[in-house]
N, C-alpha and C. Protein backbone atom coordinates (compact mmCIF):
# COMPACT_ATOMS: atom_id res chain seq x y z
N PRO A 1 72.09 -119.86 -71.90
CA PRO A 1 71.29 -120.91 -71.25
C PRO A 1 70.56 -121.79 -72.26
N GLU A 2 70.02 -121.17 -73.31
CA GLU A 2 69.29 -121.97 -74.30
C GLU A 2 70.22 -122.93 -75.02
N ASP A 3 71.48 -122.49 -75.22
CA ASP A 3 72.43 -123.35 -75.92
C ASP A 3 72.69 -124.64 -75.14
N LYS A 4 72.76 -124.53 -73.82
CA LYS A 4 72.99 -125.72 -72.99
C LYS A 4 71.80 -126.67 -73.08
N ALA A 5 70.60 -126.12 -72.96
CA ALA A 5 69.40 -126.95 -73.04
C ALA A 5 69.27 -127.58 -74.42
N ASP A 6 69.59 -126.79 -75.47
CA ASP A 6 69.53 -127.32 -76.83
C ASP A 6 70.57 -128.42 -77.04
N ALA A 7 71.75 -128.25 -76.45
CA ALA A 7 72.80 -129.27 -76.57
C ALA A 7 72.35 -130.57 -75.90
N ILE A 8 71.70 -130.45 -74.75
CA ILE A 8 71.19 -131.65 -74.07
C ILE A 8 70.13 -132.32 -74.93
N ASP A 9 69.21 -131.52 -75.49
CA ASP A 9 68.17 -132.09 -76.35
C ASP A 9 68.77 -132.78 -77.58
N GLU A 10 69.80 -132.16 -78.15
CA GLU A 10 70.45 -132.74 -79.33
C GLU A 10 71.12 -134.08 -78.99
N ILE A 11 71.74 -134.15 -77.83
CA ILE A 11 72.39 -135.40 -77.40
C ILE A 11 71.35 -136.49 -77.20
N GLU A 12 70.21 -136.12 -76.62
CA GLU A 12 69.19 -137.11 -76.27
C GLU A 12 68.27 -137.47 -77.44
N GLN A 13 68.39 -136.79 -78.58
CA GLN A 13 67.52 -137.07 -79.72
C GLN A 13 67.65 -138.50 -80.23
N ASN A 14 68.86 -139.03 -80.23
CA ASN A 14 69.06 -140.38 -80.77
C ASN A 14 68.96 -141.47 -79.70
N GLY A 15 68.41 -141.14 -78.54
CA GLY A 15 68.21 -142.13 -77.49
C GLY A 15 69.32 -142.18 -76.46
N THR A 16 70.37 -141.41 -76.66
CA THR A 16 71.46 -141.35 -75.68
C THR A 16 70.99 -140.58 -74.46
N ARG A 17 71.39 -141.04 -73.31
CA ARG A 17 71.03 -140.34 -72.07
C ARG A 17 72.13 -139.35 -71.72
N ALA A 18 71.73 -138.17 -71.29
CA ALA A 18 72.70 -137.13 -70.97
C ALA A 18 72.60 -136.75 -69.50
N MET A 19 73.76 -136.42 -68.93
CA MET A 19 73.82 -135.92 -67.57
C MET A 19 74.38 -134.51 -67.64
N MET A 20 73.75 -133.60 -66.92
CA MET A 20 74.21 -132.22 -66.88
C MET A 20 74.58 -131.87 -65.45
N VAL A 21 75.75 -131.27 -65.27
CA VAL A 21 76.19 -130.81 -63.97
C VAL A 21 76.27 -129.30 -64.03
N GLY A 22 75.60 -128.63 -63.10
CA GLY A 22 75.61 -127.17 -63.11
C GLY A 22 75.35 -126.60 -61.74
N ASP A 23 75.55 -125.27 -61.65
CA ASP A 23 75.37 -124.62 -60.36
C ASP A 23 74.67 -123.26 -60.44
N GLY A 24 74.36 -122.80 -61.62
CA GLY A 24 73.80 -121.45 -61.75
C GLY A 24 72.40 -121.42 -62.31
N ILE A 25 71.81 -120.21 -62.30
CA ILE A 25 70.46 -120.01 -62.83
C ILE A 25 70.42 -120.38 -64.30
N ASN A 26 71.50 -120.05 -65.03
CA ASN A 26 71.51 -120.35 -66.47
C ASN A 26 71.61 -121.85 -66.75
N ASP A 27 71.90 -122.66 -65.75
CA ASP A 27 71.97 -124.11 -65.94
C ASP A 27 70.64 -124.80 -65.71
N ALA A 28 69.68 -124.12 -65.11
CA ALA A 28 68.41 -124.74 -64.72
C ALA A 28 67.68 -125.40 -65.89
N PRO A 29 67.53 -124.73 -67.05
CA PRO A 29 66.82 -125.41 -68.15
C PRO A 29 67.52 -126.69 -68.62
N ALA A 30 68.84 -126.65 -68.68
CA ALA A 30 69.59 -127.84 -69.10
C ALA A 30 69.50 -128.94 -68.05
N LEU A 31 69.53 -128.57 -66.77
CA LEU A 31 69.39 -129.56 -65.70
C LEU A 31 68.04 -130.24 -65.78
N THR A 32 67.01 -129.48 -66.12
CA THR A 32 65.67 -130.03 -66.24
C THR A 32 65.55 -130.93 -67.46
N ASN A 33 66.17 -130.56 -68.57
CA ASN A 33 66.07 -131.33 -69.81
C ASN A 33 66.89 -132.62 -69.77
N ALA A 34 67.95 -132.63 -69.01
CA ALA A 34 68.85 -133.79 -68.98
C ALA A 34 68.16 -134.98 -68.33
N HIS A 35 68.59 -136.17 -68.74
CA HIS A 35 68.07 -137.39 -68.12
C HIS A 35 68.36 -137.38 -66.63
N VAL A 36 69.57 -136.94 -66.28
CA VAL A 36 69.95 -136.76 -64.87
C VAL A 36 70.58 -135.38 -64.75
N GLY A 37 70.01 -134.55 -63.90
CA GLY A 37 70.56 -133.24 -63.62
C GLY A 37 71.25 -133.26 -62.27
N VAL A 38 72.48 -132.77 -62.23
CA VAL A 38 73.26 -132.75 -60.99
C VAL A 38 73.61 -131.31 -60.66
N ALA A 39 73.19 -130.86 -59.48
CA ALA A 39 73.50 -129.51 -59.04
C ALA A 39 74.61 -129.55 -58.00
N ILE A 40 75.49 -128.58 -58.10
CA ILE A 40 76.53 -128.42 -57.09
C ILE A 40 75.89 -127.74 -55.89
N GLY A 41 76.17 -128.24 -54.70
CA GLY A 41 75.51 -127.77 -53.48
C GLY A 41 75.61 -126.29 -53.23
N SER A 42 76.69 -125.66 -53.66
CA SER A 42 76.84 -124.23 -53.44
C SER A 42 76.16 -123.41 -54.54
N GLY A 43 75.45 -124.08 -55.43
CA GLY A 43 74.79 -123.41 -56.54
C GLY A 43 73.54 -122.65 -56.11
N THR A 44 72.89 -122.07 -57.08
CA THR A 44 71.68 -121.30 -56.80
C THR A 44 70.53 -122.22 -56.45
N ASP A 45 69.54 -121.64 -55.77
CA ASP A 45 68.37 -122.43 -55.39
C ASP A 45 67.63 -122.95 -56.61
N VAL A 46 67.61 -122.16 -57.69
CA VAL A 46 66.93 -122.58 -58.92
C VAL A 46 67.60 -123.82 -59.49
N ALA A 47 68.93 -123.84 -59.51
CA ALA A 47 69.65 -125.01 -60.03
C ALA A 47 69.41 -126.23 -59.15
N ILE A 48 69.43 -126.02 -57.84
CA ILE A 48 69.23 -127.14 -56.91
C ILE A 48 67.82 -127.70 -57.06
N GLU A 49 66.82 -126.83 -57.22
CA GLU A 49 65.44 -127.28 -57.40
C GLU A 49 65.24 -127.99 -58.73
N SER A 50 66.00 -127.61 -59.74
CA SER A 50 65.84 -128.19 -61.08
C SER A 50 66.53 -129.54 -61.22
N ALA A 51 67.48 -129.83 -60.35
CA ALA A 51 68.30 -131.03 -60.49
C ALA A 51 67.66 -132.24 -59.84
N ASP A 52 68.08 -133.41 -60.31
CA ASP A 52 67.65 -134.68 -59.71
C ASP A 52 68.54 -135.04 -58.52
N VAL A 53 69.80 -134.66 -58.61
CA VAL A 53 70.79 -134.97 -57.57
C VAL A 53 71.48 -133.67 -57.17
N THR A 54 71.68 -133.48 -55.88
CA THR A 54 72.41 -132.31 -55.40
C THR A 54 73.64 -132.78 -54.64
N LEU A 55 74.80 -132.32 -55.09
CA LEU A 55 76.05 -132.66 -54.42
C LEU A 55 76.29 -131.64 -53.31
N MET A 56 76.72 -132.10 -52.17
CA MET A 56 76.86 -131.21 -51.02
C MET A 56 78.13 -130.37 -51.06
N ARG A 57 79.13 -130.82 -51.80
CA ARG A 57 80.39 -130.08 -51.87
C ARG A 57 80.62 -129.62 -53.30
N ASP A 58 81.65 -128.79 -53.49
CA ASP A 58 81.98 -128.27 -54.82
C ASP A 58 82.99 -129.13 -55.57
N ASP A 59 83.28 -130.29 -55.06
CA ASP A 59 84.29 -131.16 -55.65
C ASP A 59 83.72 -131.90 -56.86
N PRO A 60 84.26 -131.66 -58.06
CA PRO A 60 83.75 -132.37 -59.25
C PRO A 60 83.92 -133.89 -59.16
N ALA A 61 84.86 -134.36 -58.36
CA ALA A 61 85.04 -135.81 -58.20
C ALA A 61 83.83 -136.45 -57.54
N ASP A 62 83.01 -135.65 -56.86
CA ASP A 62 81.81 -136.19 -56.23
C ASP A 62 80.79 -136.69 -57.25
N VAL A 63 80.86 -136.17 -58.48
CA VAL A 63 79.97 -136.66 -59.54
C VAL A 63 80.29 -138.13 -59.81
N LEU A 64 81.56 -138.45 -59.91
CA LEU A 64 81.97 -139.84 -60.13
C LEU A 64 81.60 -140.71 -58.94
N LYS A 65 81.77 -140.18 -57.73
CA LYS A 65 81.39 -140.94 -56.53
C LYS A 65 79.88 -141.21 -56.53
N ALA A 66 79.09 -140.22 -56.93
CA ALA A 66 77.64 -140.40 -56.98
C ALA A 66 77.27 -141.49 -57.98
N LEU A 67 77.95 -141.51 -59.12
CA LEU A 67 77.70 -142.57 -60.12
C LEU A 67 78.09 -143.93 -59.57
N ASN A 68 79.21 -144.00 -58.86
CA ASN A 68 79.64 -145.27 -58.26
C ASN A 68 78.64 -145.75 -57.22
N VAL A 69 78.14 -144.84 -56.39
CA VAL A 69 77.14 -145.22 -55.37
C VAL A 69 75.86 -145.70 -56.05
N ALA A 70 75.44 -145.02 -57.12
CA ALA A 70 74.23 -145.43 -57.83
C ALA A 70 74.40 -146.82 -58.43
N ASP A 71 75.54 -147.07 -59.08
CA ASP A 71 75.80 -148.39 -59.66
C ASP A 71 75.83 -149.47 -58.58
N ALA A 72 76.48 -149.17 -57.47
CA ALA A 72 76.58 -150.15 -56.39
C ALA A 72 75.21 -150.44 -55.79
N THR A 73 74.39 -149.41 -55.64
CA THR A 73 73.05 -149.59 -55.08
C THR A 73 72.19 -150.46 -55.98
N ILE A 74 72.23 -150.19 -57.28
CA ILE A 74 71.47 -151.00 -58.23
C ILE A 74 71.96 -152.45 -58.21
N SER A 75 73.26 -152.65 -58.13
CA SER A 75 73.80 -154.00 -58.06
C SER A 75 73.31 -154.72 -56.81
N LYS A 76 73.30 -154.02 -55.69
CA LYS A 76 72.84 -154.62 -54.43
C LYS A 76 71.35 -154.96 -54.51
N VAL A 77 70.56 -154.11 -55.12
CA VAL A 77 69.13 -154.38 -55.29
C VAL A 77 68.93 -155.63 -56.15
N HIS A 78 69.71 -155.75 -57.23
CA HIS A 78 69.61 -156.93 -58.09
C HIS A 78 69.98 -158.20 -57.34
N GLN A 79 71.02 -158.13 -56.51
CA GLN A 79 71.40 -159.29 -55.71
C GLN A 79 70.26 -159.69 -54.77
N ASN A 80 69.67 -158.71 -54.11
CA ASN A 80 68.60 -159.01 -53.16
C ASN A 80 67.37 -159.57 -53.87
N LEU A 81 67.05 -159.04 -55.05
CA LEU A 81 65.93 -159.58 -55.81
C LEU A 81 66.21 -161.02 -56.24
N PHE A 82 67.44 -161.30 -56.61
CA PHE A 82 67.82 -162.66 -56.99
C PHE A 82 67.55 -163.63 -55.85
N TRP A 83 68.03 -163.30 -54.65
CA TRP A 83 67.86 -164.22 -53.52
C TRP A 83 66.39 -164.37 -53.14
N ALA A 84 65.64 -163.28 -53.20
CA ALA A 84 64.21 -163.38 -52.89
C ALA A 84 63.50 -164.23 -53.95
N LEU A 85 63.89 -164.07 -55.21
CA LEU A 85 63.28 -164.84 -56.29
C LEU A 85 63.61 -166.33 -56.15
N ILE A 86 64.83 -166.64 -55.78
CA ILE A 86 65.21 -168.04 -55.58
C ILE A 86 64.30 -168.68 -54.54
N TYR A 87 64.08 -167.98 -53.44
CA TYR A 87 63.20 -168.53 -52.40
C TYR A 87 61.79 -168.72 -52.96
N ASN A 88 61.24 -167.67 -53.57
CA ASN A 88 59.86 -167.73 -54.04
C ASN A 88 59.68 -168.75 -55.16
N ALA A 89 60.68 -168.93 -55.99
CA ALA A 89 60.55 -169.86 -57.12
C ALA A 89 60.76 -171.31 -56.72
N THR A 90 61.44 -171.55 -55.62
CA THR A 90 61.72 -172.94 -55.24
C THR A 90 60.89 -173.40 -54.04
N LEU A 91 61.01 -172.70 -52.94
CA LEU A 91 60.39 -173.20 -51.72
C LEU A 91 58.89 -172.98 -51.64
N LEU A 92 58.38 -171.89 -52.19
CA LEU A 92 56.93 -171.68 -52.13
C LEU A 92 56.15 -172.76 -52.88
N PRO A 93 56.54 -173.13 -54.10
CA PRO A 93 55.81 -174.22 -54.76
C PRO A 93 55.92 -175.54 -54.00
N ILE A 94 57.09 -175.82 -53.45
CA ILE A 94 57.27 -177.06 -52.70
C ILE A 94 56.36 -177.06 -51.47
N ALA A 95 56.29 -175.92 -50.79
CA ALA A 95 55.44 -175.82 -49.60
C ALA A 95 53.96 -175.89 -49.98
N SER A 96 53.59 -175.27 -51.10
CA SER A 96 52.17 -175.28 -51.50
C SER A 96 51.71 -176.68 -51.93
N LEU A 97 52.62 -177.51 -52.39
CA LEU A 97 52.28 -178.89 -52.75
C LEU A 97 52.24 -179.80 -51.53
N GLY A 98 52.59 -179.26 -50.39
CA GLY A 98 52.56 -180.05 -49.16
C GLY A 98 53.79 -180.92 -48.97
N LEU A 99 54.82 -180.69 -49.77
CA LEU A 99 56.04 -181.48 -49.66
C LEU A 99 57.00 -180.93 -48.60
N LEU A 100 56.65 -179.78 -48.05
CA LEU A 100 57.50 -179.16 -47.04
C LEU A 100 56.63 -178.78 -45.85
N ASN A 101 57.07 -179.11 -44.69
CA ASN A 101 56.35 -178.77 -43.47
C ASN A 101 56.17 -177.24 -43.43
N PRO A 102 54.95 -176.75 -43.13
CA PRO A 102 54.71 -175.30 -43.08
C PRO A 102 55.65 -174.57 -42.13
N ALA A 103 56.04 -175.21 -41.04
CA ALA A 103 56.97 -174.57 -40.11
C ALA A 103 58.33 -174.37 -40.77
N LEU A 104 58.76 -175.36 -41.55
CA LEU A 104 60.03 -175.22 -42.26
C LEU A 104 59.94 -174.17 -43.37
N ALA A 105 58.77 -174.09 -44.01
CA ALA A 105 58.58 -173.06 -45.04
C ALA A 105 58.65 -171.67 -44.41
N GLY A 106 58.05 -171.52 -43.23
CA GLY A 106 58.13 -170.24 -42.52
C GLY A 106 59.54 -169.92 -42.11
N LEU A 107 60.28 -170.92 -41.66
CA LEU A 107 61.68 -170.73 -41.29
C LEU A 107 62.50 -170.33 -42.52
N ALA A 108 62.22 -170.97 -43.65
CA ALA A 108 62.94 -170.63 -44.89
C ALA A 108 62.61 -169.21 -45.33
N MET A 109 61.35 -168.79 -45.13
CA MET A 109 60.98 -167.43 -45.49
C MET A 109 61.72 -166.43 -44.60
N ALA A 110 61.82 -166.72 -43.32
CA ALA A 110 62.57 -165.86 -42.41
C ALA A 110 64.05 -165.84 -42.80
N ALA A 111 64.58 -166.99 -43.16
CA ALA A 111 65.99 -167.06 -43.58
C ALA A 111 66.22 -166.26 -44.85
N SER A 112 65.23 -166.26 -45.75
CA SER A 112 65.34 -165.47 -46.96
C SER A 112 65.41 -163.98 -46.62
N SER A 113 64.56 -163.55 -45.70
CA SER A 113 64.57 -162.14 -45.29
C SER A 113 65.89 -161.78 -44.62
N VAL A 114 66.38 -162.67 -43.79
CA VAL A 114 67.65 -162.41 -43.10
C VAL A 114 68.80 -162.37 -44.11
N SER A 115 68.77 -163.23 -45.12
CA SER A 115 69.85 -163.21 -46.11
C SER A 115 69.84 -161.92 -46.92
N VAL A 116 68.66 -161.42 -47.25
CA VAL A 116 68.57 -160.14 -47.97
C VAL A 116 69.07 -159.00 -47.08
N MET A 117 68.67 -159.02 -45.82
CA MET A 117 69.10 -157.97 -44.90
C MET A 117 70.62 -158.04 -44.69
N THR A 118 71.15 -159.23 -44.53
CA THR A 118 72.60 -159.39 -44.34
C THR A 118 73.36 -158.94 -45.57
N ASN A 119 72.85 -159.26 -46.74
CA ASN A 119 73.47 -158.81 -47.98
C ASN A 119 73.46 -157.28 -48.06
N SER A 120 72.38 -156.67 -47.63
CA SER A 120 72.31 -155.21 -47.63
C SER A 120 73.28 -154.61 -46.62
N LEU A 121 73.43 -155.25 -45.47
CA LEU A 121 74.36 -154.75 -44.46
C LEU A 121 75.81 -154.81 -44.93
N ALA A 122 76.11 -155.69 -45.85
CA ALA A 122 77.47 -155.76 -46.39
C ALA A 122 77.84 -154.47 -47.11
N PHE A 123 76.85 -153.68 -47.46
CA PHE A 123 77.07 -152.41 -48.15
C PHE A 123 77.77 -151.39 -47.24
N ILE A 124 77.76 -151.64 -45.94
CA ILE A 124 78.43 -150.75 -44.99
C ILE A 124 79.91 -150.62 -45.34
N ASN A 125 80.49 -151.69 -45.84
CA ASN A 125 81.92 -151.70 -46.16
C ASN A 125 82.24 -151.06 -47.50
N TYR A 126 81.24 -150.56 -48.21
CA TYR A 126 81.45 -150.00 -49.55
C TYR A 126 82.20 -148.67 -49.48
N ASP A 127 83.16 -148.50 -50.37
CA ASP A 127 83.93 -147.26 -50.49
C ASP A 127 83.58 -146.61 -51.83
N PRO A 128 82.96 -145.41 -51.82
CA PRO A 128 82.53 -144.80 -53.08
C PRO A 128 83.69 -144.35 -53.97
N HIS A 129 84.91 -144.42 -53.49
CA HIS A 129 86.06 -144.06 -54.32
C HIS A 129 86.41 -145.17 -55.30
N ARG A 130 85.84 -146.35 -55.09
CA ARG A 130 86.15 -147.51 -55.94
C ARG A 130 84.89 -148.02 -56.62
N LYS A 131 85.11 -148.73 -57.71
CA LYS A 131 84.00 -149.41 -58.36
C LYS A 131 83.49 -150.50 -57.43
N TYR A 132 82.20 -150.79 -57.53
CA TYR A 132 81.59 -151.78 -56.65
C TYR A 132 82.01 -153.19 -57.04
N ALA A 133 82.31 -153.98 -56.04
CA ALA A 133 82.54 -155.41 -56.20
C ALA A 133 81.78 -156.08 -55.07
N PHE A 134 81.42 -157.33 -55.27
CA PHE A 134 80.67 -158.03 -54.23
C PHE A 134 81.41 -157.94 -52.91
N LEU A 135 80.71 -157.53 -51.88
CA LEU A 135 81.32 -157.35 -50.56
C LEU A 135 80.73 -158.35 -49.59
N PRO A 136 81.51 -159.27 -49.09
CA PRO A 136 80.98 -160.16 -48.05
C PRO A 136 80.78 -159.37 -46.76
N LEU A 137 79.88 -159.85 -45.96
CA LEU A 137 79.60 -159.17 -44.70
C LEU A 137 80.77 -159.39 -43.74
N ARG A 138 81.34 -158.31 -43.30
CA ARG A 138 82.41 -158.36 -42.30
C ARG A 138 82.06 -157.36 -41.21
N PRO A 139 81.17 -157.70 -40.30
CA PRO A 139 80.68 -156.72 -39.33
C PRO A 139 81.76 -156.16 -38.42
N LEU A 140 82.81 -156.91 -38.16
CA LEU A 140 83.85 -156.43 -37.27
C LEU A 140 84.90 -155.59 -37.99
N ALA A 141 84.87 -155.55 -39.31
CA ALA A 141 85.88 -154.81 -40.07
C ALA A 141 85.82 -153.32 -39.75
N ARG A 142 84.63 -152.78 -39.55
CA ARG A 142 84.50 -151.35 -39.24
C ARG A 142 85.06 -151.04 -37.85
N LEU A 143 84.98 -151.98 -36.94
CA LEU A 143 85.47 -151.75 -35.59
C LEU A 143 86.99 -151.72 -35.53
N ARG A 144 87.64 -152.37 -36.48
CA ARG A 144 89.11 -152.44 -36.48
C ARG A 144 89.74 -151.19 -37.07
N ARG A 145 88.98 -150.37 -37.78
CA ARG A 145 89.55 -149.18 -38.44
C ARG A 145 89.91 -148.11 -37.46
């Protein structure tokens, strides 16, 4: 067990981030030391408590799926922040200078919220088996499957 934790520490000494996947009591120290600890769902309670992420199945491919979901989620958050920032950086100053009717500014704010929500709903079509790519909203696509 100490060797695993020491190996994680050695990897992370130069600033590299390490991920540890484990399922047993002897993996707990390494799971705790790693930047991201991943426990297999059928593992011991100690390993599950020590990990940052717990996979529900014993399939090692789920580690890759979890990474894909994490990347896709971060990408979606960045997209939503971009659209919210565009609204705040353009329309709020225009409205505060009195160049935009307050009712239109309120409508634009609502439209900004709806665009962020719609962009988030496009995530429904995401498949964790693939790398994330921008997904347009296709609400009826799920009904056709």
